[in-house]
Amino acid sequence: MLSQAVHVMQIVGTIADGLLLWRVLALKLHRVYAFFTLYCVLELLFDVAAWWLGWESAGSARLYFYSRYLYAALFPAMAWDIFEEISPQIAKIRRLPTARLISGLFVTGFFACLMLVTVQSKDLNAGSEVTDELGVFLWAGACSASLVFVWSLFRATRAQRIELPNNTSVWFLFFMLTLIRALAECGFALFGFKLSPTVSNIVILFFLSFDLALTAWCILRLKAVPSTGGAPEKISL
């Protein structure tokens, strides 16, 4: 029963990812939010690849872990992308959070290299497993650094009383919840093997339901970027 529910949610989730990408392109948001558009494209492509390979197949698992490296690079770029509509207004206050973001990524990369050297020196045959864990570790570090950056910059805009445009507010909430969900998924990817199949299916079903609700909300709330002549539309969080 649970496995059937997971299968249905995977179908609906793929459709929702396609609709979100269509919504972004239809509203021409890719002109401002390039990295969010890339994220939508990748989500749909990885869904299609998982259907082609089989969600439970070894190939799909390999694709998942290798894609973590890509997301580890993409998430900080998305964090920067959120505030692009008001970039001239926040040019000065973005400097300190940016320095923290870069230092956080540097520390993550340093510990990843240290982990790789340590593990390989102990076990020369642990290549595939180390690659998987390293990808998840880098992804978790990128998520944490991006979370701190976005939250710090959001608080700075509040302190400066800078009103956020509609899409900035939508992407902010979407990205913050995506980061928190990603950190939870990192823990599941590393330690989920200790759970029973029933509990694993429940966790997966929760993740899929969360993704679907967040994607549907985002589809409904995104709007076209106002022309330069008009005042940007605001939204309350």
Foldseek 3Di string as FASTA:
>chain_A
DLVVLLVVLLVLLLVLLVLLLVLCVVLVVCVQQVLVNVVSVVVNVLSVVCVVQPVPDPVNVLVVLVCLQVLLVSLLVNLVSLQRVCCVVCVPVLVVLVVQLVVLLVVLVVVLVVQVVVVCVVPVPCPVVNSSLSSLSSSLSSLVSSLSSNVSSVVVCVVVVPFGFQSSVLSSVLSNVVSVLSNVVSVCSVPVVVDDPVVSSVVSSVSSVVSSVSSVVSSVRDHRADDPVDDGHGDDD
